[in-house]
Amino acid sequence: MHLRDLTQFLRELAENNNRPWFVMNKPRYDILREEFLQVVTGMIAELGKFDPAVKFSNPKKAMFRINRDVRFAHDKSPYKTRFSAAVAPNDMRRPSKAGGPTYYMQIDGSGRLLFGAGEYMPPAGRLKALRQHMVDDAAGFKKVLKNKKLKLTFGDIRDEGKLMRPPKGFDPAHEHIEYIKLKSFFVWTEIDLPLNQPELLVPMIASGLKDALPLVEWMRGAKEEIVEE
């Protein structure tokens, strides 16, 4: 992929976030979008080598649209200023709707690559299941937290949106209570794009996301209760 062309386009879009400019530059966008599709296709192929569950994910469904949903947003800018994709089994790329861990990556106009994995703001049932999984498999969760590769690449699970108090029904003295308070369970990191060596992009993403596999596999063990009507 022409990474310099992509970052240049995204910088210009950030400065001209309006429909007339985008329409005038749509041919550029279409070319870059097609190149990004090839990146996502390669990314899925590499992820599938260590996580067969996502091996047959559809790259077109993994890619996010550039259009923003501005219906309830204070910022009415019509376009996102990044290219991004999320990969999960059965193309369930939106954890907020489907639940389940997801691999994510994005590129912005500043020349930065962000990638990570986990579940961002999962729905209530899924959130409860993850919290209960920390209680039922406390030893397994502790093992994940201590994983050297996971810690080296991503550090700790991000704590944005953390509750001030323990959620109802959970022991405030539990060893994992600070994680049980979380409303999202995601690890991510941000690095410079290999602008002069674009062929390294997919291997960099895949190598980094492989380090998140222990967390992904542990999260898949969290099962929601099935309520019969």
C-alpha atoms as a PDB file:
ATOM      1  CA  MET A   1       0.000   0.000   0.000  1.00  0.00           C
ATOM      2  CA  HIS A   2       1.127   3.566  -0.706  1.00  0.00           C
ATOM      3  CA  LEU A   3       1.277   4.627   2.930  1.00  0.00           C
ATOM      4  CA  ARG A   4       2.533   8.137   2.227  1.00  0.00           C
ATOM      5  CA  ASP A   5      -0.371   8.734  -0.161  1.00  0.00           C
ATOM      6  CA  LEU A   6      -2.798   7.436   2.454  1.00  0.00           C
ATOM      7  CA  THR A   7      -1.481   9.609   5.277  1.00  0.00           C
ATOM      8  CA  GLN A   8      -1.443  12.637   2.979  1.00  0.00           C
ATOM      9  CA  PHE A   9      -5.060  11.998   2.000  1.00  0.00           C
ATOM     10  CA  LEU A  10      -6.126  11.613   5.638  1.00  0.00           C
ATOM     11  CA  ARG A  11      -4.340  14.825   6.655  1.00  0.00           C
ATOM     12  CA  GLU A  12      -6.070  16.747   3.877  1.00  0.00           C
ATOM     13  CA  LEU A  13      -9.397  15.185   4.810  1.00  0.00           C
ATOM     14  CA  ALA A  14      -8.952  16.327   8.418  1.00  0.00           C
ATOM     15  CA  GLU A  15      -8.465  19.877   7.147  1.00  0.00           C
ATOM     16  CA  ASN A  16     -11.345  19.667   4.652  1.00  0.00           C
ATOM     17  CA  ASN A  17     -13.901  17.440   6.332  1.00  0.00           C
ATOM     18  CA  ASN A  18     -16.840  18.234   4.092  1.00  0.00           C
ATOM     19  CA  ARG A  19     -18.736  16.556   1.287  1.00  0.00           C
ATOM     20  CA  PRO A  20     -17.627  18.848  -1.615  1.00  0.00           C
ATOM     21  CA  TRP A  21     -13.943  18.181  -0.916  1.00  0.00           C
ATOM     22  CA  PHE A  22     -14.537  14.470  -0.524  1.00  0.00           C
ATOM     23  CA  VAL A  23     -16.482  14.230  -3.784  1.00  0.00           C
ATOM     24  CA  MET A  24     -13.683  16.028  -5.614  1.00  0.00           C
ATOM     25  CA  ASN A  25     -11.126  13.619  -4.133  1.00  0.00           C
ATOM     26  CA  LYS A  26     -13.219  10.461  -4.413  1.00  0.00           C
ATOM     27  CA  PRO A  27     -10.942   8.918  -7.091  1.00  0.00           C
ATOM     28  CA  ARG A  28      -8.015   9.131  -4.644  1.00  0.00           C
ATOM     29  CA  TYR A  29     -10.118   7.589  -1.912  1.00  0.00           C
ATOM     30  CA  ASP A  30     -11.259   4.712  -4.137  1.00  0.00           C
ATOM     31  CA  ILE A  31      -7.678   3.769  -4.991  1.00  0.00           C
ATOM     32  CA  LEU A  32      -6.552   3.944  -1.369  1.00  0.00           C
ATOM     33  CA  ARG A  33      -9.601   1.995  -0.224  1.00  0.00           C
ATOM     34  CA  GLU A  34      -8.776  -0.803  -2.647  1.00  0.00           C
ATOM     35  CA  GLU A  35      -5.168  -0.858  -1.458  1.00  0.00           C
ATOM     36  CA  PHE A  36      -6.353  -0.973   2.154  1.00  0.00           C
ATOM     37  CA  LEU A  37      -8.561  -3.925   1.281  1.00  0.00           C
ATOM     38  CA  GLN A  38      -5.445  -5.797   0.223  1.00  0.00           C
ATOM     39  CA  VAL A  39      -3.804  -4.927   3.546  1.00  0.00           C
ATOM     40  CA  VAL A  40      -6.796  -6.256   5.488  1.00  0.00           C
ATOM     41  CA  THR A  41      -6.893  -9.373   3.320  1.00  0.00           C
ATOM     42  CA  GLY A  42      -3.234 -10.025   4.100  1.00  0.00           C
ATOM     43  CA  MET A  43      -3.793  -9.269   7.758  1.00  0.00           C
ATOM     44  CA  ILE A  44      -6.582 -11.872   7.999  1.00  0.00           C
ATOM     45  CA  ALA A  45      -4.424 -14.455   6.256  1.00  0.00           C
ATOM     46  CA  GLU A  46      -1.635 -13.884   8.765  1.00  0.00           C
ATOM     47  CA  LEU A  47      -3.979 -13.870  11.758  1.00  0.00           C
ATOM     48  CA  GLY A  48      -5.469 -17.140  10.551  1.00  0.00           C
ATOM     49  CA  LYS A  49      -2.085 -18.823  10.860  1.00  0.00           C
ATOM     50  CA  PHE A  50      -2.186 -18.571  14.668  1.00  0.00           C
ATOM     51  CA  ASP A  51      -5.935 -18.086  15.213  1.00  0.00           C
ATOM     52  CA  PRO A  52      -7.936 -20.374  12.891  1.00  0.00           C
ATOM     53  CA  ALA A  53     -11.202 -18.917  14.220  1.00  0.00           C
ATOM     54  CA  VAL A  54     -10.751 -15.809  12.031  1.00  0.00           C
ATOM     55  CA  LYS A  55      -9.159 -17.538   9.052  1.00  0.00           C
ATOM     56  CA  PHE A  56     -12.194 -17.158   6.809  1.00  0.00           C
ATOM     57  CA  SER A  57     -13.315 -13.695   7.893  1.00  0.00           C
ATOM     58  CA  ASN A  58     -14.483 -11.470   5.039  1.00  0.00           C
ATOM     59  CA  PRO A  59     -12.031  -8.554   4.595  1.00  0.00           C
ATOM     60  CA  LYS A  60     -14.702  -6.320   3.072  1.00  0.00           C
ATOM     61  CA  LYS A  61     -16.911  -6.769   6.124  1.00  0.00           C
ATOM     62  CA  ALA A  62     -13.916  -6.186   8.410  1.00  0.00           C
ATOM     63  CA  MET A  63     -13.319  -2.702   7.001  1.00  0.00           C
ATOM     64  CA  PHE A  64     -15.118   0.225   8.596  1.00  0.00           C
ATOM     65  CA  ARG A  65     -16.866   2.801   6.451  1.00  0.00           C
ATOM     66  CA  ILE A  66     -15.302   6.230   6.243  1.00  0.00           C
ATOM     67  CA  ASN A  67     -18.664   7.901   6.819  1.00  0.00           C
ATOM     68  CA  ARG A  68     -19.388   8.899  10.406  1.00  0.00           C
ATOM     69  CA  ASP A  69     -22.734   8.351  12.103  1.00  0.00           C
ATOM     70  CA  VAL A  70     -23.524  11.903  13.131  1.00  0.00           C
ATOM     71  CA  ARG A  71     -27.158  11.434  14.177  1.00  0.00           C
ATOM     72  CA  PHE A  72     -26.442  11.818  17.889  1.00  0.00           C
ATOM     73  CA  ALA A  73     -22.950  13.315  17.701  1.00  0.00           C
ATOM     74  CA  HIS A  74     -21.992  16.836  18.725  1.00  0.00           C
ATOM     75  CA  ASP A  75     -19.296  16.788  16.031  1.00  0.00           C
ATOM     76  CA  LYS A  76     -21.109  16.777  12.678  1.00  0.00           C
ATOM     77  CA  SER A  77     -17.998  16.184  10.555  1.00  0.00           C
ATOM     78  CA  PRO A  78     -19.185  13.670   7.942  1.00  0.00           C
ATOM     79  CA  TYR A  79     -15.996  11.601   7.563  1.00  0.00           C
ATOM     80  CA  LYS A  80     -13.604   9.665   9.764  1.00  0.00           C
ATOM     81  CA  THR A  81      -9.974  10.712   9.457  1.00  0.00           C
ATOM     82  CA  ARG A  82      -8.604   7.179   9.672  1.00  0.00           C
ATOM     83  CA  PHE A  83      -8.742   3.862   7.836  1.00  0.00           C
ATOM     84  CA  SER A  84      -9.663   1.050  10.187  1.00  0.00           C
ATOM     85  CA  ALA A  85     -10.677  -2.598  10.314  1.00  0.00           C
ATOM     86  CA  ALA A  86     -11.785  -5.139  12.917  1.00  0.00           C
ATOM     87  CA  VAL A  87     -11.543  -8.902  12.525  1.00  0.00           C
ATOM     88  CA  ALA A  88     -13.546 -11.479  14.487  1.00  0.00           C
ATOM     89  CA  PRO A  89     -15.000 -14.955  13.883  1.00  0.00           C
ATOM     90  CA  ASN A  90     -18.042 -14.985  11.587  1.00  0.00           C
ATOM     91  CA  ASP A  91     -17.343 -11.353  10.680  1.00  0.00           C
ATOM     92  CA  MET A  92     -18.787 -10.153  13.994  1.00  0.00           C
ATOM     93  CA  ARG A  93     -16.637  -7.040  13.843  1.00  0.00           C
ATOM     94  CA  ARG A  94     -18.753  -4.910  16.166  1.00  0.00           C
ATOM     95  CA  PRO A  95     -18.446  -6.178  19.735  1.00  0.00           C
ATOM     96  CA  SER A  96     -20.931  -3.589  20.944  1.00  0.00           C
ATOM     97  CA  LYS A  97     -23.602  -5.456  18.984  1.00  0.00           C
ATOM     98  CA  ALA A  98     -22.431  -9.039  18.865  1.00  0.00           C
ATOM     99  CA  GLY A  99     -20.053  -9.612  21.753  1.00  0.00           C
ATOM    100  CA  GLY A 100     -16.799 -11.514  21.587  1.00  0.00           C
ATOM    101  CA  PRO A 101     -13.153 -10.454  21.242  1.00  0.00           C
ATOM    102  CA  THR A 102     -12.022  -8.627  18.132  1.00  0.00           C
ATOM    103  CA  TYR A 103      -8.682  -7.773  16.510  1.00  0.00           C
ATOM    104  CA  TYR A 104      -8.513  -4.100  15.538  1.00  0.00           C
ATOM    105  CA  MET A 105      -6.181  -1.843  13.576  1.00  0.00           C
ATOM    106  CA  GLN A 106      -6.236   1.736  12.291  1.00  0.00           C
ATOM    107  CA  ILE A 107      -4.046   4.166  10.376  1.00  0.00           C
ATOM    108  CA  ASP A 108      -4.307   7.933  10.766  1.00  0.00           C
ATOM    109  CA  GLY A 109      -2.927  10.954   8.975  1.00  0.00           C
ATOM    110  CA  SER A 110      -0.136  11.533  11.467  1.00  0.00           C
ATOM    111  CA  GLY A 111       1.622   8.382  10.272  1.00  0.00           C
ATOM    112  CA  ARG A 112       0.672   6.286  13.274  1.00  0.00           C
ATOM    113  CA  LEU A 113      -0.484   2.687  13.344  1.00  0.00           C
ATOM    114  CA  LEU A 114      -2.722   1.565  16.212  1.00  0.00           C
ATOM    115  CA  PHE A 115      -3.606  -2.083  16.776  1.00  0.00           C
ATOM    116  CA  GLY A 116      -5.083  -4.091  19.598  1.00  0.00           C
ATOM    117  CA  ALA A 117      -7.583  -6.718  20.653  1.00  0.00           C
ATOM    118  CA  GLY A 118     -10.379  -7.355  23.116  1.00  0.00           C
ATOM    119  CA  GLU A 119     -13.916  -6.091  23.591  1.00  0.00           C
ATOM    120  CA  TYR A 120     -14.789  -2.413  23.607  1.00  0.00           C
ATOM    121  CA  MET A 121     -17.987  -1.514  25.507  1.00  0.00           C
ATOM    122  CA  PRO A 122     -19.617  -4.955  25.153  1.00  0.00           C
ATOM    123  CA  PRO A 123     -23.389  -5.234  25.702  1.00  0.00           C
ATOM    124  CA  ALA A 124     -24.699  -5.850  29.219  1.00  0.00           C
ATOM    125  CA  GLY A 125     -25.002  -9.620  28.969  1.00  0.00           C
ATOM    126  CA  ARG A 126     -21.546 -10.015  27.543  1.00  0.00           C
ATOM    127  CA  LEU A 127     -20.050  -7.597  30.085  1.00  0.00           C
ATOM    128  CA  LYS A 128     -21.541  -9.601  32.933  1.00  0.00           C
ATOM    129  CA  ALA A 129     -20.208 -12.835  31.424  1.00  0.00           C
ATOM    130  CA  LEU A 130     -16.680 -11.432  31.225  1.00  0.00           C
ATOM    131  CA  ARG A 131     -16.794 -10.220  34.801  1.00  0.00           C
ATOM    132  CA  GLN A 132     -18.091 -13.572  36.002  1.00  0.00           C
ATOM    133  CA  HIS A 133     -15.376 -15.341  34.010  1.00  0.00           C
ATOM    134  CA  MET A 134     -12.797 -13.398  36.041  1.00  0.00           C
ATOM    135  CA  VAL A 135     -14.341 -14.841  39.179  1.00  0.00           C
ATOM    136  CA  ASP A 136     -14.809 -18.396  37.903  1.00  0.00           C
ATOM    137  CA  ASP A 137     -11.380 -18.568  36.275  1.00  0.00           C
ATOM    138  CA  ALA A 138      -9.376 -16.218  38.457  1.00  0.00           C
ATOM    139  CA  ALA A 139      -6.211 -18.282  38.055  1.00  0.00           C
ATOM    140  CA  GLY A 140      -6.520 -18.334  34.269  1.00  0.00           C
ATOM    141  CA  PHE A 141      -7.069 -14.583  34.125  1.00  0.00           C
ATOM    142  CA  LYS A 142      -4.057 -13.986  36.361  1.00  0.00           C
ATOM    143  CA  LYS A 143      -1.968 -16.102  33.998  1.00  0.00           C
ATOM    144  CA  VAL A 144      -3.082 -13.954  31.058  1.00  0.00           C
ATOM    145  CA  LEU A 145      -2.201 -10.755  32.902  1.00  0.00           C
ATOM    146  CA  LYS A 146       1.288 -12.081  33.600  1.00  0.00           C
ATOM    147  CA  ASN A 147       1.922 -13.196  30.007  1.00  0.00           C
ATOM    148  CA  LYS A 148       5.292 -11.671  29.097  1.00  0.00           C
ATOM    149  CA  LYS A 149       4.611 -11.068  25.401  1.00  0.00           C
ATOM    150  CA  LEU A 150       1.216  -9.524  26.082  1.00  0.00           C
ATOM    151  CA  LYS A 151       2.677  -7.177  28.696  1.00  0.00           C
ATOM    152  CA  LEU A 152       5.695  -6.256  26.576  1.00  0.00           C
ATOM    153  CA  THR A 153       3.617  -5.335  23.525  1.00  0.00           C
ATOM    154  CA  PHE A 154       0.518  -3.835  25.119  1.00  0.00           C
ATOM    155  CA  GLY A 155       1.094  -3.251  28.807  1.00  0.00           C
ATOM    156  CA  ASP A 156      -2.070  -3.671  30.873  1.00  0.00           C
ATOM    157  CA  ILE A 157      -5.739  -3.766  29.896  1.00  0.00           C
ATOM    158  CA  ARG A 158      -6.891  -0.179  29.301  1.00  0.00           C
ATOM    159  CA  ASP A 159      -8.971   1.274  32.115  1.00  0.00           C
ATOM    160  CA  GLU A 160     -10.964   3.998  30.363  1.00  0.00           C
ATOM    161  CA  GLY A 161     -14.591   4.100  31.500  1.00  0.00           C
ATOM    162  CA  LYS A 162     -13.816   2.282  34.736  1.00  0.00           C
ATOM    163  CA  LEU A 163     -16.487   2.218  37.428  1.00  0.00           C
ATOM    164  CA  MET A 164     -15.830   3.999  40.691  1.00  0.00           C
ATOM    165  CA  ARG A 165     -17.389   1.175  42.690  1.00  0.00           C
ATOM    166  CA  PRO A 166     -17.633  -2.601  42.149  1.00  0.00           C
ATOM    167  CA  PRO A 167     -20.636  -3.681  40.070  1.00  0.00           C
ATOM    168  CA  LYS A 168     -23.556  -5.182  41.951  1.00  0.00           C
ATOM    169  CA  GLY A 169     -23.140  -8.825  42.887  1.00  0.00           C
ATOM    170  CA  PHE A 170     -19.326  -8.880  42.897  1.00  0.00           C
ATOM    171  CA  ASP A 171     -17.126  -9.125  45.970  1.00  0.00           C
ATOM    172  CA  PRO A 172     -15.274  -5.814  46.555  1.00  0.00           C
ATOM    173  CA  ALA A 173     -12.393  -7.826  48.021  1.00  0.00           C
ATOM    174  CA  HIS A 174     -11.924 -10.065  44.980  1.00  0.00           C
ATOM    175  CA  GLU A 175      -8.342 -10.130  43.697  1.00  0.00           C
ATOM    176  CA  HIS A 176      -9.465  -8.955  40.246  1.00  0.00           C
ATOM    177  CA  ILE A 177     -11.964  -6.349  41.408  1.00  0.00           C
ATOM    178  CA  GLU A 178     -10.120  -3.482  39.653  1.00  0.00           C
ATOM    179  CA  TYR A 179     -10.582  -5.336  36.357  1.00  0.00           C
ATOM    180  CA  ILE A 180     -14.147  -6.341  37.193  1.00  0.00           C
ATOM    181  CA  LYS A 181     -14.902  -2.596  37.438  1.00  0.00           C
ATOM    182  CA  LEU A 182     -13.977  -2.121  33.771  1.00  0.00           C
ATOM    183  CA  LYS A 183     -16.647  -1.580  31.113  1.00  0.00           C
ATOM    184  CA  SER A 184     -14.259  -2.414  28.261  1.00  0.00           C
ATOM    185  CA  PHE A 185     -11.563  -5.075  28.076  1.00  0.00           C
ATOM    186  CA  PHE A 186      -9.097  -3.992  25.431  1.00  0.00           C
ATOM    187  CA  VAL A 187      -5.345  -3.832  24.936  1.00  0.00           C
ATOM    188  CA  TRP A 188      -3.776  -1.646  22.287  1.00  0.00           C
ATOM    189  CA  THR A 189      -0.554   0.018  21.311  1.00  0.00           C
ATOM    190  CA  GLU A 190       0.488   2.695  18.827  1.00  0.00           C
ATOM    191  CA  ILE A 191       3.639   2.837  16.724  1.00  0.00           C
ATOM    192  CA  ASP A 192       5.005   4.657  13.678  1.00  0.00           C
ATOM    193  CA  LEU A 193       3.989   3.392  10.267  1.00  0.00           C
ATOM    194  CA  PRO A 194       6.787   1.862   8.163  1.00  0.00           C
ATOM    195  CA  LEU A 195       6.362   4.615   5.556  1.00  0.00           C
ATOM    196  CA  ASN A 196       9.516   3.693   3.660  1.00  0.00           C
ATOM    197  CA  GLN A 197       8.887  -0.054   3.853  1.00  0.00           C
ATOM    198  CA  PRO A 198       5.155  -0.603   3.337  1.00  0.00           C
ATOM    199  CA  GLU A 199       5.758  -4.318   2.804  1.00  0.00           C
ATOM    200  CA  LEU A 200       6.413  -4.554   6.547  1.00  0.00           C
ATOM    201  CA  LEU A 201       2.953  -3.267   7.506  1.00  0.00           C
ATOM    202  CA  VAL A 202       1.036  -6.566   7.534  1.00  0.00           C
ATOM    203  CA  PRO A 203       3.819  -8.553   9.266  1.00  0.00           C
ATOM    204  CA  MET A 204       4.080  -5.821  11.936  1.00  0.00           C
ATOM    205  CA  ILE A 205       0.347  -5.920  12.635  1.00  0.00           C
ATOM    206  CA  ALA A 206       0.162  -9.715  12.679  1.00  0.00           C
ATOM    207  CA  SER A 207       3.214 -10.084  14.896  1.00  0.00           C
ATOM    208  CA  GLY A 208       1.835  -7.593  17.393  1.00  0.00           C
ATOM    209  CA  LEU A 209      -1.666  -9.045  17.453  1.00  0.00           C
ATOM    210  CA  LYS A 210      -0.290 -12.537  17.970  1.00  0.00           C
ATOM    211  CA  ASP A 211       0.892 -11.325  21.374  1.00  0.00           C
ATOM    212  CA  ALA A 212      -2.756 -10.604  22.262  1.00  0.00           C
ATOM    213  CA  LEU A 213      -3.857 -14.182  21.518  1.00  0.00           C
ATOM    214  CA  PRO A 214      -3.761 -15.348  25.183  1.00  0.00           C
ATOM    215  CA  LEU A 215      -6.254 -12.616  26.104  1.00  0.00           C
ATOM    216  CA  VAL A 216      -8.454 -13.323  23.086  1.00  0.00           C
ATOM    217  CA  GLU A 217      -8.601 -17.039  23.814  1.00  0.00           C
ATOM    218  CA  TRP A 218      -9.337 -16.452  27.489  1.00  0.00           C
ATOM    219  CA  MET A 219     -12.171 -14.055  26.639  1.00  0.00           C
ATOM    220  CA  ARG A 220     -13.749 -16.594  24.329  1.00  0.00           C
ATOM    221  CA  GLY A 221     -14.196 -18.788  27.388  1.00  0.00           C
ATOM    222  CA  ALA A 222     -16.675 -16.320  28.897  1.00  0.00           C
ATOM    223  CA  LYS A 223     -20.148 -17.709  28.244  1.00  0.00           C
ATOM    224  CA  GLU A 224     -23.374 -15.773  28.621  1.00  0.00           C
ATOM    225  CA  GLU A 225     -26.279 -17.336  30.472  1.00  0.00           C
ATOM    226  CA  ILE A 226     -29.050 -18.514  28.170  1.00  0.00           C
ATOM    227  CA  VAL A 227     -32.414 -17.346  29.458  1.00  0.00           C
ATOM    228  CA  GLU A 228     -35.328 -19.479  28.320  1.00  0.00           C
ATOM    229  CA  GLU A 229     -38.552 -17.623  27.626  1.00  0.00           C
END
